[in-house]
Protein backbone atom coordinates (compact mmCIF):
# COMPACT_ATOMS: atom_id res chain seq x y z
CA MET A 1 48.95 -29.60 0.33
CA LEU A 2 48.35 -30.13 3.65
CA PHE A 3 45.48 -28.27 3.92
CA THR A 4 44.28 -30.21 0.65
CA ILE A 5 44.30 -32.95 2.69
CA VAL A 6 42.68 -31.53 5.78
CA VAL A 7 39.90 -30.70 3.64
CA PHE A 8 39.61 -33.25 1.52
CA ALA A 9 39.52 -36.16 4.84
CA LEU A 10 36.58 -33.48 6.81
CA THR A 11 34.50 -33.58 3.43
CA LEU A 12 34.85 -37.35 3.30
CA ILE A 13 34.61 -38.05 6.91
CA LEU A 14 31.10 -36.24 6.54
CA VAL A 15 29.82 -37.77 3.72
CA MET A 16 30.29 -41.20 6.06
CA LEU A 17 29.34 -40.22 8.91
CA ARG A 18 25.90 -37.67 7.93
CA PRO A 19 26.47 -35.30 11.37
CA LYS A 20 22.50 -34.32 11.71
CA ARG A 21 20.82 -32.07 9.20
CA VAL A 22 24.47 -32.72 7.65
CA THR A 23 23.45 -34.40 3.79
CA GLU A 24 26.37 -35.15 1.14
CA TRP A 25 26.12 -32.35 -0.60
CA MET A 26 26.22 -30.01 1.84
CA ALA A 27 29.31 -32.23 2.70
CA ALA A 28 30.77 -31.60 -1.29
CA ALA A 29 30.02 -27.85 -0.87
CA LEU A 30 30.82 -27.04 2.07
CA GLY A 31 34.09 -28.64 0.61
CA GLY A 32 34.72 -26.62 -2.26
CA LEU A 33 33.72 -24.25 -0.59
CA LEU A 34 37.00 -24.39 1.97
CA MET A 35 39.01 -24.27 -1.20
CA LEU A 36 37.87 -21.79 -2.69
CA ILE A 37 38.62 -19.73 0.60
CA GLY A 38 42.04 -20.94 1.58
CA GLY A 39 42.90 -20.23 -2.00
CA ARG A 40 44.18 -23.50 -3.35
CA VAL A 41 41.62 -23.25 -6.20
CA GLY A 42 41.03 -19.99 -8.02
CA LEU A 43 36.89 -18.86 -8.65
CA ASP A 44 37.93 -18.58 -12.58
CA GLU A 45 39.46 -22.03 -12.57
CA ALA A 46 36.41 -23.51 -10.48
CA ALA A 47 33.99 -21.68 -12.80
CA HIS A 48 35.95 -23.08 -16.03
CA THR A 49 35.06 -26.99 -14.54
CA LEU A 50 31.95 -26.54 -13.83
CA ALA A 51 31.58 -25.29 -17.78
CA ALA A 52 33.31 -27.75 -19.11
CA SER A 53 31.80 -30.48 -17.16
CA TRP A 54 27.92 -28.98 -18.04
CA ASN A 55 27.67 -33.23 -19.73
CA VAL A 56 28.85 -34.67 -16.64
CA PHE A 57 26.01 -32.88 -14.52
CA GLY A 58 23.19 -32.20 -16.94
CA PHE A 59 23.77 -36.51 -16.82
CA PHE A 60 23.31 -36.44 -13.50
CA LEU A 61 20.46 -34.64 -13.19
CA GLY A 62 18.67 -37.06 -15.39
CA LEU A 63 19.91 -39.93 -14.24
CA MET A 64 19.36 -39.21 -10.94
CA SER A 65 15.58 -37.82 -11.87
CA ILE A 66 14.94 -41.01 -13.86
CA SER A 67 15.64 -43.60 -11.31
CA ALA A 68 13.52 -40.72 -8.39
CA LEU A 69 10.78 -41.43 -10.90
CA ALA A 70 11.35 -45.02 -11.31
CA ASP A 71 11.08 -45.38 -7.44
CA ALA A 72 8.16 -43.73 -6.68
CA ALA A 73 6.71 -45.40 -9.30
CA GLY A 74 6.84 -48.61 -7.38
CA PHE A 75 9.27 -49.79 -10.21
CA PHE A 76 12.06 -51.12 -8.13
CA GLU A 77 9.62 -52.74 -6.28
CA TRP A 78 7.76 -54.25 -8.70
CA ALA A 79 11.12 -55.75 -10.16
CA ALA A 80 12.08 -57.47 -7.19
CA PHE A 81 8.50 -59.63 -6.36
CA THR A 82 8.42 -60.76 -10.19
CA ALA A 83 12.07 -62.32 -9.35
CA ALA A 84 10.71 -63.53 -6.58
CA ARG A 85 7.03 -64.63 -8.13
CA HIS A 86 8.76 -66.62 -11.17
CA SER A 87 11.38 -67.78 -9.21
CA GLY A 88 8.71 -71.07 -8.56
CA GLY A 89 9.42 -71.59 -4.93
CA SER A 90 13.90 -72.32 -5.36
CA ALA A 91 15.39 -70.08 -3.48
CA ARG A 92 18.50 -71.03 -6.13
CA ARG A 93 16.23 -69.59 -8.69
CA LEU A 94 15.18 -66.62 -6.72
CA PHE A 95 18.87 -66.24 -6.47
CA ILE A 96 19.89 -65.93 -10.16
CA ASN A 97 16.19 -63.73 -10.58
CA VAL A 98 17.34 -60.89 -8.15
CA PHE A 99 21.02 -61.28 -10.09
CA LEU A 100 19.11 -60.91 -13.62
CA VAL A 101 17.60 -57.93 -11.84
CA GLY A 102 19.77 -56.60 -10.71
CA THR A 103 21.96 -56.41 -14.04
CA VAL A 104 19.11 -54.82 -15.79
CA VAL A 105 18.61 -51.96 -13.23
CA THR A 106 22.67 -51.67 -13.16
CA THR A 107 23.01 -51.41 -17.07
CA PHE A 108 20.32 -49.05 -17.56
CA LEU A 109 19.76 -47.09 -14.41
CA SER A 110 23.42 -46.74 -13.10
CA ASN A 111 24.97 -48.94 -10.61
CA ASP A 112 23.70 -46.31 -8.04
CA ALA A 113 20.31 -47.52 -8.71
CA THR A 114 21.13 -51.07 -7.61
CA ALA A 115 23.15 -50.54 -4.40
CA LEU A 116 20.95 -47.66 -2.88
CA ILE A 117 17.08 -48.34 -3.78
CA LEU A 118 16.91 -52.21 -5.06
CA THR A 119 19.52 -53.48 -2.35
CA PRO A 120 17.00 -52.49 0.52
CA ILE A 121 14.38 -53.63 -1.31
CA VAL A 122 15.75 -57.30 -1.85
CA PHE A 123 17.26 -57.54 1.60
CA THR A 124 13.76 -57.05 3.42
CA LEU A 125 11.63 -59.40 1.08
CA VAL A 126 13.90 -62.42 1.62
CA SER A 127 13.99 -61.69 5.10
CA ARG A 128 10.61 -61.72 5.06
CA LEU A 129 10.52 -64.68 3.44
CA GLY A 130 12.68 -66.36 5.63
CA LEU A 131 15.68 -66.58 3.74
CA SER A 132 19.39 -65.65 4.37
CA PRO A 133 19.50 -62.36 2.91
CA LEU A 134 23.40 -62.59 3.06
CA PRO A 135 23.24 -64.55 -0.87
CA TYR A 136 21.09 -61.93 -1.86
CA PHE A 137 22.85 -58.63 -0.59
CA TYR A 138 25.99 -59.76 -1.96
CA ALA A 139 24.38 -60.41 -5.18
CA CYS A 140 23.31 -56.89 -5.58
CA ILE A 141 25.98 -54.95 -3.85
CA PHE A 142 28.84 -56.97 -6.59
CA VAL A 143 26.45 -56.78 -9.72
CA ALA A 144 26.43 -53.37 -9.40
CA ASP A 145 30.47 -53.63 -9.96
CA THR A 146 30.55 -56.16 -12.66
CA ALA A 147 27.24 -54.66 -14.81
CA SER A 148 28.78 -51.07 -14.42
CA LEU A 149 30.85 -51.36 -17.11
CA THR A 150 28.08 -52.64 -19.49
CA LEU A 151 27.20 -49.17 -21.01
CA PRO A 152 28.46 -45.59 -20.48
CA VAL A 153 25.23 -44.41 -18.55
CA SER A 154 25.44 -47.72 -15.94
CA ASN A 155 28.38 -45.93 -14.08
CA PRO A 156 28.69 -41.89 -13.86
CA VAL A 157 32.37 -42.79 -13.96
CA ASN A 158 31.93 -44.33 -17.61
CA ILE A 159 30.44 -40.67 -18.83
CA LEU A 160 33.74 -39.17 -17.65
CA MET A 161 35.81 -41.74 -19.59
CA VAL A 162 33.98 -41.34 -22.76
CA ASP A 163 33.61 -37.17 -22.27
CA ALA A 164 37.30 -37.37 -21.88
CA THR A 165 38.08 -39.83 -24.88
CA ASN A 166 35.70 -38.05 -27.42
CA GLN A 167 34.77 -42.63 -28.12
CA GLY A 168 31.31 -43.31 -29.19
CA LEU A 169 28.88 -45.99 -28.23
CA ALA A 170 30.22 -48.63 -31.09
CA ASP A 171 33.33 -47.70 -29.94
CA TYR A 172 32.64 -48.01 -26.26
CA LEU A 173 30.83 -50.99 -26.64
CA SER A 174 33.37 -52.83 -28.97
CA TYR A 175 35.54 -52.55 -26.00
CA LEU A 176 33.65 -53.00 -22.65
CA LEU A 177 30.70 -55.53 -23.55
CA LEU A 178 32.26 -58.54 -24.21
CA PRO A 179 34.42 -57.94 -21.23
CA SER A 180 31.87 -56.73 -18.91
CA ILE A 181 29.59 -59.43 -19.77
CA LEU A 182 31.77 -62.40 -18.94
CA ALA A 183 32.71 -60.33 -15.67
CA ILE A 184 28.42 -60.83 -15.13
CA SER A 185 29.06 -64.85 -16.30
CA LEU A 186 31.92 -65.09 -13.87
CA ASN A 187 30.41 -63.22 -10.68
CA LEU A 188 26.95 -65.02 -11.14
CA VAL A 189 28.24 -68.97 -11.69
CA LEU A 190 30.96 -67.86 -8.67
CA PHE A 191 28.71 -66.62 -6.12
CA LEU A 192 26.35 -69.94 -6.87
CA PHE A 193 29.48 -71.82 -6.45
CA ILE A 194 30.62 -69.26 -2.68
CA PHE A 195 26.92 -69.74 -1.76
CA ARG A 196 25.50 -73.14 -2.63
CA ASN A 197 24.68 -73.93 0.95
CA ALA A 198 22.87 -70.41 1.65
CA ILE A 199 20.34 -71.18 -1.24
CA SER A 200 19.59 -75.03 -2.11
CA VAL A 201 16.67 -74.55 0.48
CA PRO A 202 14.20 -77.39 0.33
CA ARG A 203 11.45 -76.98 -2.21
CA CYS A 204 9.46 -79.12 -0.12
CA ARG A 205 9.68 -81.02 2.72
CA LYS A 206 7.30 -83.73 4.46
CA ALA A 207 5.57 -82.48 7.09
CA ALA A 208 4.03 -85.04 10.28
CA ALA A 209 0.21 -86.49 8.67
CA SER A 210 -2.33 -84.18 9.07
CA LYS A 211 -5.50 -85.04 10.19
CA ALA A 212 -6.63 -85.83 6.80
CA GLY A 213 -3.49 -87.40 6.78
CA GLY A 214 -0.74 -87.62 3.66
CA THR A 215 2.00 -84.87 2.73
CA LYS A 216 1.93 -81.13 3.53
CA CYS A 217 3.78 -78.52 2.68
CA ARG A 218 4.14 -74.92 3.92
CA LEU A 219 3.99 -72.35 1.65
CA PHE A 220 4.52 -69.08 1.19
CA SER A 221 1.76 -66.88 0.26
CA LEU A 222 2.60 -63.79 -1.83
CA CYS A 223 -0.16 -62.56 -3.27
CA ARG A 224 -0.52 -60.42 -5.94
CA HIS A 225 -3.15 -56.86 -6.02
CA GLN A 226 -2.92 -54.48 -8.24
CA SER A 227 -1.69 -50.83 -6.47
CA ARG A 228 -2.51 -47.39 -8.02
CA TYR A 229 0.11 -45.04 -8.29
CA HIS A 230 -1.54 -42.12 -9.53
CA ARG A 231 2.15 -39.60 -9.56
CA HIS A 232 2.97 -40.46 -13.00
CA ARG A 233 0.49 -41.79 -15.49
CA VAL A 234 3.06 -44.03 -16.80
CA TYR A 235 3.10 -46.38 -13.92
CA ALA A 236 -1.10 -45.76 -13.49
CA ARG A 237 -1.63 -49.36 -12.16
CA ILE A 238 1.51 -51.75 -11.85
CA PRO A 239 0.44 -55.30 -10.21
CA VAL A 240 2.86 -55.64 -6.71
CA ALA A 241 3.57 -58.68 -4.97
CA ARG A 242 3.34 -58.54 -1.34
CA ALA A 243 4.61 -61.15 1.29
CA SER A 244 2.90 -61.50 4.11
CA VAL A 245 4.68 -64.26 5.30
CA GLY A 246 6.98 -65.32 8.67
CA ARG A 247 10.60 -66.19 9.80
CA SER A 248 10.19 -68.90 10.92
CA GLN A 249 7.98 -70.96 7.64
CA ARG A 250 10.56 -72.43 5.15
CA TRP A 251 11.15 -71.92 1.49
CA CYS A 252 9.04 -74.53 -0.17
CA ALA A 253 6.47 -74.77 -2.82
CA PRO A 254 5.34 -78.66 -4.61
CA ALA A 255 4.39 -79.04 -8.23
CA THR A 256 0.84 -78.85 -8.16
CA CYS A 257 1.51 -75.45 -6.61
CA ARG A 258 2.64 -72.45 -8.87
CA TRP A 259 2.88 -68.72 -7.91
CA THR A 260 0.81 -67.95 -10.75
CA GLY A 261 -1.93 -69.07 -8.98
CA LYS A 262 -2.72 -71.34 -12.34
CA SER A 263 -3.17 -74.92 -10.22
CA SER A 264 -3.86 -73.94 -7.19
CA GLY A 265 -7.06 -71.36 -8.68
CA GLN A 266 -5.45 -68.41 -5.81
CA PRO A 267 -4.20 -65.32 -7.08
CA GLY A 268 -0.76 -66.66 -5.63
CA LEU A 269 1.34 -68.97 -3.19
CA ALA A 270 -1.85 -70.48 -1.16
CA ARG A 271 -0.52 -71.15 3.10
């Protein structure tokens, strides 16, 4: 028992600390090898376990491949900046959009994709927009949990449960779809209340009269451009929004300027 605990602790420490040139899979493989060498797990038993879990391992491989493909194609970046463009200059609406994007990504691409890929992109986006990243960071992290029960593919653990109980999709949804929707909704409402001050940045502020006179609003420049991705034909052309703003600017967008650029005549918001 002591040997097993030591191997488990060592594996967990290596996974968490990630020392130089030691990746997660190396740490896990080392832990399994030590268990075999120590005689705690027999070779036949290990082979039987692997053969019995081929469905789960195949799911992991397929899921990670799809997530890597989407990341390389720029899907997560496009989704984050699309949420920003459709927020209408409102930090509160941006928070809701980020939460919804996280829900969709978690539901169909697993909670790992939201936590590991979408979160850094959202963090970079809101930081460059001069907003407090904390509410949006929490939105991504928590929605990766609350939305992880929506579908069997939303969380790798769900596959283990479905495989062990021999449940079909209809049975799974009958038990967990409604609770998952309620959990997501409650999480969103609760966070809107908790972070109400952080995401209630004024849409526009009156500046001192400029040389031309009148009221001026400092706007973010969030311009769209076409980016070509030659690696994957599915995403051959994806419009990706790039934020080119400074931290000193305020979040503001008057009614005469929309991020779609229709009223201002620009491809995005003009400064």
